[in-house]
Amino acid sequence: MQKPIVIFMEYKVKEESTETYLTKMKKVIEEMEALEAGPVEWYEAADQKGLYVEMIEVSSMKQYEYIKERRSDPADAAFGGLLPLLEKGTAGMNCWAFSRLNKK
């Protein structure tokens, strides 16, 4: 049985785009959960204004690759609207896949 994959997405939002970002994230979270990803855990850095992390559990690397591709596609109807709000645009969307070591 394959271990679940935990996705971490990290990015910095332009200060002037914060309100728009917060509004758009409600729809992004709904869309992520519609992709049969686990619940989205959403964090804002306590020590770096505008830095956000999302943590999502998925069942496979294939699902991770699919989500990573969609989240970094400016033309994606569900997710592309976030990219112009990031300080580095598409290049500012960091996405990593991890396997848990201490949880079964």
Protein backbone atom coordinates (compact mmCIF):
# COMPACT_ATOMS: atom_id res chain seq x y z
CA MET A 1 0.00 0.00 0.00
CA GLN A 2 1.34 3.40 -0.99
CA LYS A 3 1.80 5.99 1.74
CA PRO A 4 -0.16 9.19 1.29
CA ILE A 5 1.72 12.16 -0.11
CA VAL A 6 1.64 15.48 1.72
CA ILE A 7 1.82 18.52 -0.56
CA PHE A 8 3.22 21.79 0.72
CA MET A 9 2.57 24.89 -1.38
CA GLU A 10 4.39 28.04 -0.32
CA TYR A 11 4.24 31.53 -1.79
CA LYS A 12 4.35 35.21 -0.93
CA VAL A 13 1.39 37.43 -1.83
CA LYS A 14 1.90 41.04 -2.91
CA GLU A 15 0.87 43.30 -0.05
CA GLU A 16 -1.57 45.24 -2.25
CA SER A 17 -3.20 41.96 -3.34
CA THR A 18 -3.90 40.53 0.12
CA GLU A 19 -7.67 41.17 0.22
CA THR A 20 -8.19 39.78 -3.28
CA TYR A 21 -6.08 36.74 -2.38
CA LEU A 22 -8.06 36.04 0.80
CA THR A 23 -11.31 36.21 -1.17
CA LYS A 24 -10.05 33.96 -3.99
CA MET A 25 -8.70 31.36 -1.55
CA LYS A 26 -12.21 30.36 -0.47
CA LYS A 27 -12.89 29.12 -4.01
CA VAL A 28 -9.41 27.61 -4.34
CA ILE A 29 -9.95 25.53 -1.21
CA GLU A 30 -13.32 24.32 -2.49
CA GLU A 31 -11.74 23.36 -5.82
CA MET A 32 -8.84 21.55 -4.14
CA GLU A 33 -11.21 19.50 -2.03
CA ALA A 34 -13.27 18.73 -5.16
CA LEU A 35 -10.11 17.14 -6.61
CA GLU A 36 -10.38 14.53 -3.84
CA ALA A 37 -7.44 15.97 -2.00
CA GLY A 38 -7.66 15.84 1.76
CA PRO A 39 -8.75 18.91 3.69
CA VAL A 40 -6.62 21.95 2.92
CA GLU A 41 -4.69 23.24 5.91
CA TRP A 42 -3.94 26.91 5.24
CA TYR A 43 -1.34 28.91 7.15
CA GLU A 44 -0.06 32.47 7.23
CA ALA A 45 3.47 33.05 8.51
CA ALA A 46 3.55 34.62 11.95
CA ASP A 47 6.90 36.27 11.26
CA GLN A 48 6.76 37.14 7.52
CA LYS A 49 3.87 39.27 6.30
CA GLY A 50 2.26 37.90 3.15
CA LEU A 51 3.86 34.43 3.30
CA TYR A 52 1.37 31.56 3.08
CA VAL A 53 1.56 27.77 3.11
CA GLU A 54 -1.07 25.23 2.16
CA MET A 55 -0.80 21.61 3.25
CA ILE A 56 -2.87 18.97 1.46
CA GLU A 57 -2.75 15.19 1.65
CA VAL A 58 -3.21 13.20 -1.56
CA SER A 59 -3.17 9.50 -2.33
CA SER A 60 -0.43 9.32 -4.97
CA MET A 61 2.41 11.06 -6.76
CA LYS A 62 0.22 11.09 -9.86
CA GLN A 63 -2.37 13.17 -8.01
CA TYR A 64 0.40 15.45 -6.69
CA GLU A 65 1.75 16.03 -10.23
CA TYR A 66 -1.75 16.79 -11.50
CA ILE A 67 -2.40 19.34 -8.73
CA LYS A 68 1.05 20.90 -9.12
CA GLU A 69 0.50 21.32 -12.87
CA ARG A 70 -2.93 22.88 -12.42
CA ARG A 71 -1.88 25.22 -9.63
CA SER A 72 1.02 26.59 -11.70
CA ASP A 73 -0.99 27.08 -14.91
CA PRO A 74 -1.99 30.74 -15.42
CA ALA A 75 -4.76 29.61 -17.80
CA ASP A 76 -6.40 27.28 -15.26
CA ALA A 77 -9.91 28.62 -14.57
CA ALA A 78 -9.93 27.51 -10.93
CA PHE A 79 -6.37 28.31 -9.86
CA GLY A 80 -4.69 30.60 -12.41
CA GLY A 81 -6.17 33.75 -10.89
CA LEU A 82 -3.93 33.45 -7.83
CA LEU A 83 -0.67 33.59 -9.75
CA PRO A 84 -0.74 37.33 -10.63
CA LEU A 85 -1.24 38.05 -6.92
CA LEU A 86 2.10 36.46 -6.00
CA GLU A 87 5.28 38.48 -5.66
CA LYS A 88 7.05 36.36 -8.26
CA GLY A 89 4.02 35.27 -10.25
CA THR A 90 4.15 31.65 -11.42
CA ALA A 91 7.80 31.37 -10.33
CA GLY A 92 6.71 32.25 -6.79
CA MET A 93 4.49 29.17 -6.39
CA ASN A 94 6.67 26.60 -4.64
CA CYS A 95 5.25 23.09 -4.46
CA TRP A 96 6.78 20.05 -2.77
CA ALA A 97 5.70 16.46 -2.10
CA PHE A 98 6.62 14.66 1.13
CA SER A 99 6.01 11.22 2.61
CA ARG A 100 5.29 11.09 6.34
CA LEU A 101 7.83 9.23 8.41
CA ASN A 102 6.21 9.32 11.84
CA LYS A 103 2.54 8.62 11.12
CA LYS A 104 0.91 5.47 9.81
